[in-house]
């Protein structure tokens, strides 16, 4: 519990493709209150592939809201992207 919120780290998300099931296809960096996915990065610049990654996590985890946070920004607010399904 962080600030009264349930925060889970490295949450495994199962993936099923055709008849094959992977128990841990993806790992979410943070899952807050089981309704917000947070993906953490520390890179020069966010690219569309990073946003696609979070959208994929949202689809497979049945969560509608996600945040992509890049800590390698001059101003932190410039490194935050909110994604909704």
PDB file of N, CA and C in Angstrom:
ATOM      1  N   UNK A   1       0.846  -1.182   0.000  1.00  0.00           N
ATOM      2  CA  UNK A   1       0.000   0.000   0.000  1.00  0.00           C
ATOM      3  C   UNK A   1       0.892   1.246   0.000  1.00  0.00           C
ATOM      4  N   UNK A   2       0.621   2.134  -0.940  1.00  0.00           N
ATOM      5  CA  UNK A   2       1.342   3.375  -1.049  1.00  0.00           C
ATOM      6  C   UNK A   2       0.328   4.508  -1.022  1.00  0.00           C
ATOM      7  N   UNK A   3       0.460   5.389  -0.071  1.00  0.00           N
ATOM      8  CA  UNK A   3      -0.463   6.521   0.090  1.00  0.00           C
ATOM      9  C   UNK A   3      -1.909   6.042   0.125  1.00  0.00           C
ATOM     10  N   UNK A   4      -2.128   4.879   0.723  1.00  0.00           N
ATOM     11  CA  UNK A   4      -3.477   4.353   0.820  1.00  0.00           C
ATOM     12  C   UNK A   4      -3.971   3.647  -0.429  1.00  0.00           C
ATOM     13  N   UNK A   5      -3.122   3.530  -1.457  1.00  0.00           N
ATOM     14  CA  UNK A   5      -3.503   2.872  -2.702  1.00  0.00           C
ATOM     15  C   UNK A   5      -2.833   1.508  -2.810  1.00  0.00           C
ATOM     16  N   UNK A   6      -3.535   0.563  -3.401  1.00  0.00           N
ATOM     17  CA  UNK A   6      -2.957  -0.747  -3.669  1.00  0.00           C
ATOM     18  C   UNK A   6      -2.120  -0.645  -4.940  1.00  0.00           C
ATOM     19  N   UNK A   7      -0.812  -0.850  -4.820  1.00  0.00           N
ATOM     20  CA  UNK A   7       0.097  -0.773  -5.960  1.00  0.00           C
ATOM     21  C   UNK A   7       0.826  -2.106  -6.067  1.00  0.00           C
ATOM     22  N   UNK A   8       0.675  -2.759  -7.222  1.00  0.00           N
ATOM     23  CA  UNK A   8       1.354  -4.030  -7.471  1.00  0.00           C
ATOM     24  C   UNK A   8       2.456  -3.799  -8.499  1.00  0.00           C
ATOM     25  N   UNK A   9       3.610  -4.431  -8.261  1.00  0.00           N
ATOM     26  CA  UNK A   9       4.749  -4.287  -9.168  1.00  0.00           C
ATOM     27  C   UNK A   9       4.965  -5.568  -9.949  1.00  0.00           C
ATOM     28  N   UNK A  10       5.425  -5.414 -11.204  1.00  0.00           N
ATOM     29  CA  UNK A  10       5.767  -6.541 -12.072  1.00  0.00           C
ATOM     30  C   UNK A  10       4.647  -7.586 -12.117  1.00  0.00           C
ATOM     31  N   UNK A  11       3.459  -7.127 -12.450  1.00  0.00           N
ATOM     32  CA  UNK A  11       2.287  -7.998 -12.516  1.00  0.00           C
ATOM     33  C   UNK A  11       2.295  -8.761 -13.835  1.00  0.00           C
ATOM     34  N   UNK A  12       2.254 -10.071 -13.755  1.00  0.00           N
ATOM     35  CA  UNK A  12       2.225 -10.907 -14.951  1.00  0.00           C
ATOM     36  C   UNK A  12       0.835 -10.916 -15.568  1.00  0.00           C
ATOM     37  N   UNK A  13       0.785 -10.757 -16.892  1.00  0.00           N
ATOM     38  CA  UNK A  13      -0.482 -10.762 -17.618  1.00  0.00           C
ATOM     39  C   UNK A  13      -0.469 -11.946 -18.589  1.00  0.00           C
ATOM     40  N   UNK A  14      -1.442 -12.854 -18.466  1.00  0.00           N
ATOM     41  CA  UNK A  14      -1.485 -13.991 -19.383  1.00  0.00           C
ATOM     42  C   UNK A  14      -1.902 -13.560 -20.784  1.00  0.00           C
ATOM     43  N   UNK A  15      -1.384 -14.271 -21.787  1.00  0.00           N
ATOM     44  CA  UNK A  15      -1.697 -13.991 -23.185  1.00  0.00           C
ATOM     45  C   UNK A  15      -2.120 -15.294 -23.846  1.00  0.00           C
ATOM     46  N   UNK A  16      -3.224 -15.239 -24.589  1.00  0.00           N
ATOM     47  CA  UNK A  16      -3.675 -16.400 -25.348  1.00  0.00           C
ATOM     48  C   UNK A  16      -3.686 -16.032 -26.815  1.00  0.00           C
ATOM     49  N   UNK A  17      -3.000 -16.838 -27.622  1.00  0.00           N
ATOM     50  CA  UNK A  17      -2.964 -16.649 -29.068  1.00  0.00           C
ATOM     51  C   UNK A  17      -3.336 -17.965 -29.715  1.00  0.00           C
ATOM     52  N   UNK A  18      -4.448 -17.950 -30.442  1.00  0.00           N
ATOM     53  CA  UNK A  18      -5.018 -19.166 -31.021  1.00  0.00           C
ATOM     54  C   UNK A  18      -5.233 -20.183 -29.914  1.00  0.00           C
ATOM     55  N   UNK A  19      -4.568 -21.311 -29.936  1.00  0.00           N
ATOM     56  CA  UNK A  19      -4.763 -22.324 -28.892  1.00  0.00           C
ATOM     57  C   UNK A  19      -3.639 -22.338 -27.867  1.00  0.00           C
ATOM     58  N   UNK A  20      -2.734 -21.384 -27.949  1.00  0.00           N
ATOM     59  CA  UNK A  20      -1.581 -21.353 -27.055  1.00  0.00           C
ATOM     60  C   UNK A  20      -1.780 -20.282 -25.988  1.00  0.00           C
ATOM     61  N   UNK A  21      -1.552 -20.679 -24.734  1.00  0.00           N
ATOM     62  CA  UNK A  21      -1.672 -19.733 -23.620  1.00  0.00           C
ATOM     63  C   UNK A  21      -0.328 -19.609 -22.917  1.00  0.00           C
ATOM     64  N   UNK A  22       0.112 -18.379 -22.747  1.00  0.00           N
ATOM     65  CA  UNK A  22       1.300 -18.071 -21.955  1.00  0.00           C
ATOM     66  C   UNK A  22       0.815 -17.482 -20.640  1.00  0.00           C
ATOM     67  N   UNK A  23       1.192 -18.104 -19.534  1.00  0.00           N
ATOM     68  CA  UNK A  23       0.736 -17.608 -18.233  1.00  0.00           C
ATOM     69  C   UNK A  23       1.238 -16.204 -17.941  1.00  0.00           C
ATOM     70  N   UNK A  24       2.448 -15.897 -18.389  1.00  0.00           N
ATOM     71  CA  UNK A  24       3.004 -14.549 -18.201  1.00  0.00           C
ATOM     72  C   UNK A  24       3.531 -14.082 -19.554  1.00  0.00           C
ATOM     73  N   UNK A  25       2.625 -13.512 -20.355  1.00  0.00           N
ATOM     74  CA  UNK A  25       3.022 -12.996 -21.666  1.00  0.00           C
ATOM     75  C   UNK A  25       3.665 -11.628 -21.549  1.00  0.00           C
ATOM     76  N   UNK A  26       3.175 -10.834 -20.615  1.00  0.00           N
ATOM     77  CA  UNK A  26       3.685  -9.481 -20.374  1.00  0.00           C
ATOM     78  C   UNK A  26       3.824  -9.261 -18.882  1.00  0.00           C
ATOM     79  N   UNK A  27       4.647  -8.281 -18.512  1.00  0.00           N
ATOM     80  CA  UNK A  27       4.765  -7.857 -17.118  1.00  0.00           C
ATOM     81  C   UNK A  27       4.518  -6.353 -17.058  1.00  0.00           C
ATOM     82  N   UNK A  28       3.513  -5.989 -16.282  1.00  0.00           N
ATOM     83  CA  UNK A  28       3.208  -4.575 -16.087  1.00  0.00           C
ATOM     84  C   UNK A  28       4.156  -4.010 -15.039  1.00  0.00           C
ATOM     85  N   UNK A  29       4.729  -2.840 -15.303  1.00  0.00           N
ATOM     86  CA  UNK A  29       5.615  -2.225 -14.305  1.00  0.00           C
ATOM     87  C   UNK A  29       4.847  -1.974 -13.016  1.00  0.00           C
ATOM     88  N   UNK A  30       3.723  -1.266 -13.125  1.00  0.00           N
ATOM     89  CA  UNK A  30       2.891  -0.977 -11.953  1.00  0.00           C
ATOM     90  C   UNK A  30       1.418  -1.126 -12.325  1.00  0.00           C
ATOM     91  N   UNK A  31       0.661  -1.676 -11.411  1.00  0.00           N
ATOM     92  CA  UNK A  31      -0.792  -1.745 -11.542  1.00  0.00           C
ATOM     93  C   UNK A  31      -1.370  -1.117 -10.279  1.00  0.00           C
ATOM     94  N   UNK A  32      -2.048   0.014 -10.447  1.00  0.00           N
ATOM     95  CA  UNK A  32      -2.564   0.782  -9.313  1.00  0.00           C
ATOM     96  C   UNK A  32      -4.056   0.506  -9.159  1.00  0.00           C
ATOM     97  N   UNK A  33      -4.426   0.025  -7.965  1.00  0.00           N
ATOM     98  CA  UNK A  33      -5.818  -0.254  -7.630  1.00  0.00           C
ATOM     99  C   UNK A  33      -6.490  -1.158  -8.657  1.00  0.00           C
ATOM    100  N   UNK A  34      -5.703  -1.930  -9.359  1.00  0.00           N
ATOM    101  CA  UNK A  34      -6.192  -2.872 -10.387  1.00  0.00           C
ATOM    102  C   UNK A  34      -6.999  -2.184 -11.470  1.00  0.00           C
ATOM    103  N   UNK A  35      -6.778  -0.856 -11.644  1.00  0.00           N
ATOM    104  CA  UNK A  35      -7.520  -0.152 -12.691  1.00  0.00           C
ATOM    105  C   UNK A  35      -6.671   0.854 -13.470  1.00  0.00           C
ATOM    106  N   UNK A  36      -5.383   1.000 -13.133  1.00  0.00           N
ATOM    107  CA  UNK A  36      -4.493   1.906 -13.862  1.00  0.00           C
ATOM    108  C   UNK A  36      -3.157   1.213 -14.075  1.00  0.00           C
ATOM    109  N   UNK A  37      -2.734   1.127 -15.349  1.00  0.00           N
ATOM    110  CA  UNK A  37      -1.434   0.566 -15.696  1.00  0.00           C
ATOM    111  C   UNK A  37      -0.437   1.721 -15.806  1.00  0.00           C
ATOM    112  N   UNK A  38       0.727   1.580 -15.189  1.00  0.00           N
ATOM    113  CA  UNK A  38       1.778   2.591 -15.285  1.00  0.00           C
ATOM    114  C   UNK A  38       3.024   1.915 -15.838  1.00  0.00           C
ATOM    115  N   UNK A  39       3.505   2.412 -16.982  1.00  0.00           N
ATOM    116  CA  UNK A  39       4.721   1.889 -17.605  1.00  0.00           C
ATOM    117  C   UNK A  39       5.811   2.944 -17.431  1.00  0.00           C
ATOM    118  N   UNK A  40       6.933   2.530 -16.867  1.00  0.00           N
ATOM    119  CA  UNK A  40       8.034   3.432 -16.547  1.00  0.00           C
ATOM    120  C   UNK A  40       9.136   3.298 -17.594  1.00  0.00           C
ATOM    121  N   UNK A  41       9.637   4.428 -18.060  1.00  0.00           N
ATOM    122  CA  UNK A  41      10.755   4.453 -19.010  1.00  0.00           C
ATOM    123  C   UNK A  41      11.767   5.497 -18.545  1.00  0.00           C
ATOM    124  N   UNK A  42      12.985   5.343 -19.032  1.00  0.00           N
ATOM    125  CA  UNK A  42      14.020   6.355 -18.866  1.00  0.00           C
ATOM    126  C   UNK A  42      14.836   6.364 -20.152  1.00  0.00           C
ATOM    127  N   UNK A  43      14.283   7.023 -21.174  1.00  0.00           N
ATOM    128  CA  UNK A  43      14.867   7.023 -22.514  1.00  0.00           C
ATOM    129  C   UNK A  43      14.914   8.452 -23.038  1.00  0.00           C
ATOM    130  N   UNK A  44      15.650   8.660 -24.144  1.00  0.00           N
ATOM    131  CA  UNK A  44      15.791  10.007 -24.702  1.00  0.00           C
ATOM    132  C   UNK A  44      14.445  10.614 -25.087  1.00  0.00           C
ATOM    133  N   UNK A  45      13.615   9.833 -25.778  1.00  0.00           N
ATOM    134  CA  UNK A  45      12.310  10.341 -26.209  1.00  0.00           C
ATOM    135  C   UNK A  45      11.333   9.190 -26.352  1.00  0.00           C
ATOM    136  N   UNK A  46      10.090   9.459 -26.014  1.00  0.00           N
ATOM    137  CA  UNK A  46       9.052   8.450 -26.194  1.00  0.00           C
ATOM    138  C   UNK A  46       8.727   8.333 -27.682  1.00  0.00           C
ATOM    139  N   UNK A  47       8.518   7.116 -28.132  1.00  0.00           N
ATOM    140  CA  UNK A  47       8.169   6.867 -29.528  1.00  0.00           C
ATOM    141  C   UNK A  47       6.800   6.199 -29.580  1.00  0.00           C
ATOM    142  N   UNK A  48       6.252   6.112 -30.766  1.00  0.00           N
ATOM    143  CA  UNK A  48       4.933   5.504 -30.921  1.00  0.00           C
ATOM    144  C   UNK A  48       4.930   4.039 -30.490  1.00  0.00           C
ATOM    145  N   UNK A  49       6.057   3.359 -30.598  1.00  0.00           N
ATOM    146  CA  UNK A  49       6.137   1.961 -30.174  1.00  0.00           C
ATOM    147  C   UNK A  49       5.904   1.825 -28.674  1.00  0.00           C
ATOM    148  N   UNK A  50       6.321   2.805 -27.896  1.00  0.00           N
ATOM    149  CA  UNK A  50       6.117   2.774 -26.451  1.00  0.00           C
ATOM    150  C   UNK A  50       4.634   2.945 -26.107  1.00  0.00           C
ATOM    151  N   UNK A  51       3.962   3.806 -26.859  1.00  0.00           N
ATOM    152  CA  UNK A  51       2.525   3.984 -26.650  1.00  0.00           C
ATOM    153  C   UNK A  51       1.765   2.725 -27.076  1.00  0.00           C
ATOM    154  N   UNK A  52       2.204   2.108 -28.165  1.00  0.00           N
ATOM    155  CA  UNK A  52       1.586   0.858 -28.608  1.00  0.00           C
ATOM    156  C   UNK A  52       1.772  -0.239 -27.562  1.00  0.00           C
ATOM    157  N   UNK A  53       2.923  -0.233 -26.901  1.00  0.00           N
ATOM    158  CA  UNK A  53       3.190  -1.212 -25.843  1.00  0.00           C
ATOM    159  C   UNK A  53       2.171  -1.074 -24.711  1.00  0.00           C
ATOM    160  N   UNK A  54       1.918   0.148 -24.280  1.00  0.00           N
ATOM    161  CA  UNK A  54       0.967   0.377 -23.192  1.00  0.00           C
ATOM    162  C   UNK A  54      -0.446   0.008 -23.639  1.00  0.00           C
ATOM    163  N   UNK A  55      -0.818   0.344 -24.860  1.00  0.00           N
ATOM    164  CA  UNK A  55      -2.142  -0.018 -25.363  1.00  0.00           C
ATOM    165  C   UNK A  55      -2.317  -1.531 -25.412  1.00  0.00           C
ATOM    166  N   UNK A  56      -1.272  -2.252 -25.769  1.00  0.00           N
ATOM    167  CA  UNK A  56      -1.317  -3.712 -25.771  1.00  0.00           C
ATOM    168  C   UNK A  56      -1.513  -4.231 -24.357  1.00  0.00           C
ATOM    169  N   UNK A  57      -0.779  -3.663 -23.404  1.00  0.00           N
ATOM    170  CA  UNK A  57      -0.939  -4.053 -22.002  1.00  0.00           C
ATOM    171  C   UNK A  57      -2.375  -3.821 -21.537  1.00  0.00           C
ATOM    172  N   UNK A  58      -2.963  -2.704 -21.943  1.00  0.00           N
ATOM    173  CA  UNK A  58      -4.331  -2.401 -21.542  1.00  0.00           C
ATOM    174  C   UNK A  58      -5.306  -3.435 -22.108  1.00  0.00           C
ATOM    175  N   UNK A  59      -5.127  -3.781 -23.376  1.00  0.00           N
ATOM    176  CA  UNK A  59      -6.030  -4.755 -23.997  1.00  0.00           C
ATOM    177  C   UNK A  59      -5.974  -6.112 -23.314  1.00  0.00           C
ATOM    178  N   UNK A  60      -4.767  -6.593 -23.048  1.00  0.00           N
ATOM    179  CA  UNK A  60      -4.617  -7.929 -22.475  1.00  0.00           C
ATOM    180  C   UNK A  60      -4.952  -7.985 -20.987  1.00  0.00           C
ATOM    181  N   UNK A  61      -4.878  -6.856 -20.299  1.00  0.00           N
ATOM    182  CA  UNK A  61      -5.151  -6.864 -18.859  1.00  0.00           C
ATOM    183  C   UNK A  61      -6.576  -6.417 -18.526  1.00  0.00           C
ATOM    184  N   UNK A  62      -7.367  -6.081 -19.538  1.00  0.00           N
ATOM    185  CA  UNK A  62      -8.739  -5.596 -19.335  1.00  0.00           C
ATOM    186  C   UNK A  62      -8.790  -4.363 -18.450  1.00  0.00           C
ATOM    187  N   UNK A  63      -7.803  -3.504 -18.587  1.00  0.00           N
ATOM    188  CA  UNK A  63      -7.752  -2.218 -17.882  1.00  0.00           C
ATOM    189  C   UNK A  63      -7.931  -1.135 -18.939  1.00  0.00           C
ATOM    190  N   UNK A  64      -8.622  -0.059 -18.595  1.00  0.00           N
ATOM    191  CA  UNK A  64      -8.915   0.976 -19.598  1.00  0.00           C
ATOM    192  C   UNK A  64      -7.977   2.185 -19.556  1.00  0.00           C
ATOM    193  N   UNK A  65      -7.285   2.414 -18.447  1.00  0.00           N
ATOM    194  CA  UNK A  65      -6.472   3.619 -18.292  1.00  0.00           C
ATOM    195  C   UNK A  65      -5.020   3.260 -18.062  1.00  0.00           C
ATOM    196  N   UNK A  66      -4.123   3.936 -18.788  1.00  0.00           N
ATOM    197  CA  UNK A  66      -2.699   3.696 -18.617  1.00  0.00           C
ATOM    198  C   UNK A  66      -1.902   4.984 -18.700  1.00  0.00           C
ATOM    199  N   UNK A  67      -0.765   4.988 -18.028  1.00  0.00           N
ATOM    200  CA  UNK A  67       0.152   6.124 -18.088  1.00  0.00           C
ATOM    201  C   UNK A  67       1.512   5.620 -18.507  1.00  0.00           C
ATOM    202  N   UNK A  68       2.132   6.338 -19.418  1.00  0.00           N
ATOM    203  CA  UNK A  68       3.490   6.075 -19.858  1.00  0.00           C
ATOM    204  C   UNK A  68       4.326   7.232 -19.335  1.00  0.00           C
ATOM    205  N   UNK A  69       5.299   6.924 -18.475  1.00  0.00           N
ATOM    206  CA  UNK A  69       6.090   7.974 -17.829  1.00  0.00           C
ATOM    207  C   UNK A  69       7.553   7.806 -18.194  1.00  0.00           C
ATOM    208  N   UNK A  70       8.133   8.869 -18.771  1.00  0.00           N
ATOM    209  CA  UNK A  70       9.550   8.888 -19.115  1.00  0.00           C
ATOM    210  C   UNK A  70      10.273   9.813 -18.125  1.00  0.00           C
ATOM    211  N   UNK A  71      11.115   9.227 -17.285  1.00  0.00           N
ATOM    212  CA  UNK A  71      11.828  10.014 -16.280  1.00  0.00           C
ATOM    213  C   UNK A  71      13.059  10.714 -16.840  1.00  0.00           C
ATOM    214  N   UNK A  72      13.385  10.482 -18.105  1.00  0.00           N
ATOM    215  CA  UNK A  72      14.539  11.129 -18.720  1.00  0.00           C
ATOM    216  C   UNK A  72      14.077  12.354 -19.517  1.00  0.00           C
ATOM    217  N   UNK A  73      13.288  13.211 -18.891  1.00  0.00           N
ATOM    218  CA  UNK A  73      12.802  14.444 -19.498  1.00  0.00           C
ATOM    219  C   UNK A  73      13.286  15.618 -18.660  1.00  0.00           C
ATOM    220  N   UNK A  74      13.478  16.752 -19.321  1.00  0.00           N
ATOM    221  CA  UNK A  74      13.896  17.948 -18.592  1.00  0.00           C
ATOM    222  C   UNK A  74      12.825  18.324 -17.581  1.00  0.00           C
ATOM    223  N   UNK A  75      11.565  18.330 -18.039  1.00  0.00           N
ATOM    224  CA  UNK A  75      10.435  18.542 -17.139  1.00  0.00           C
ATOM    225  C   UNK A  75       9.604  17.264 -17.136  1.00  0.00           C
ATOM    226  N   UNK A  76       9.347  16.735 -15.968  1.00  0.00           N
ATOM    227  CA  UNK A  76       8.648  15.459 -15.863  1.00  0.00           C
ATOM    228  C   UNK A  76       7.293  15.494 -16.559  1.00  0.00           C
ATOM    229  N   UNK A  77       6.583  16.625 -16.478  1.00  0.00           N
ATOM    230  CA  UNK A  77       5.254  16.681 -17.088  1.00  0.00           C
ATOM    231  C   UNK A  77       5.310  16.528 -18.612  1.00  0.00           C
ATOM    232  N   UNK A  78       6.455  16.811 -19.219  1.00  0.00           N
ATOM    233  CA  UNK A  78       6.619  16.605 -20.657  1.00  0.00           C
ATOM    234  C   UNK A  78       6.824  15.122 -20.998  1.00  0.00           C
ATOM    235  N   UNK A  79       7.145  14.311 -20.019  1.00  0.00           N
ATOM    236  CA  UNK A  79       7.398  12.895 -20.252  1.00  0.00           C
ATOM    237  C   UNK A  79       6.245  11.994 -19.847  1.00  0.00           C
ATOM    238  N   UNK A  80       5.071  12.560 -19.638  1.00  0.00           N
ATOM    239  CA  UNK A  80       3.916  11.755 -19.204  1.00  0.00           C
ATOM    240  C   UNK A  80       2.883  11.715 -20.328  1.00  0.00           C
ATOM    241  N   UNK A  81       2.446  10.505 -20.656  1.00  0.00           N
ATOM    242  CA  UNK A  81       1.396  10.316 -21.654  1.00  0.00           C
ATOM    243  C   UNK A  81       0.264   9.509 -21.014  1.00  0.00           C
ATOM    244  N   UNK A  82      -0.942   9.962 -21.209  1.00  0.00           N
ATOM    245  CA  UNK A  82      -2.127   9.266 -20.687  1.00  0.00           C
ATOM    246  C   UNK A  82      -2.780   8.548 -21.862  1.00  0.00           C
ATOM    247  N   UNK A  83      -3.054   7.262 -21.691  1.00  0.00           N
ATOM    248  CA  UNK A  83      -3.656   6.466 -22.763  1.00  0.00           C
ATOM    249  C   UNK A  83      -4.923   5.798 -22.238  1.00  0.00           C
ATOM    250  N   UNK A  84      -5.981   5.843 -23.042  1.00  0.00           N
ATOM    251  CA  UNK A  84      -7.270   5.283 -22.664  1.00  0.00           C
ATOM    252  C   UNK A  84      -7.781   4.393 -23.785  1.00  0.00           C
ATOM    253  N   UNK A  85      -8.327   3.248 -23.426  1.00  0.00           N
ATOM    254  CA  UNK A  85      -8.982   2.370 -24.414  1.00  0.00           C
ATOM    255  C   UNK A  85     -10.436   2.749 -24.563  1.00  0.00           C
TER     256      UNK A  85
END
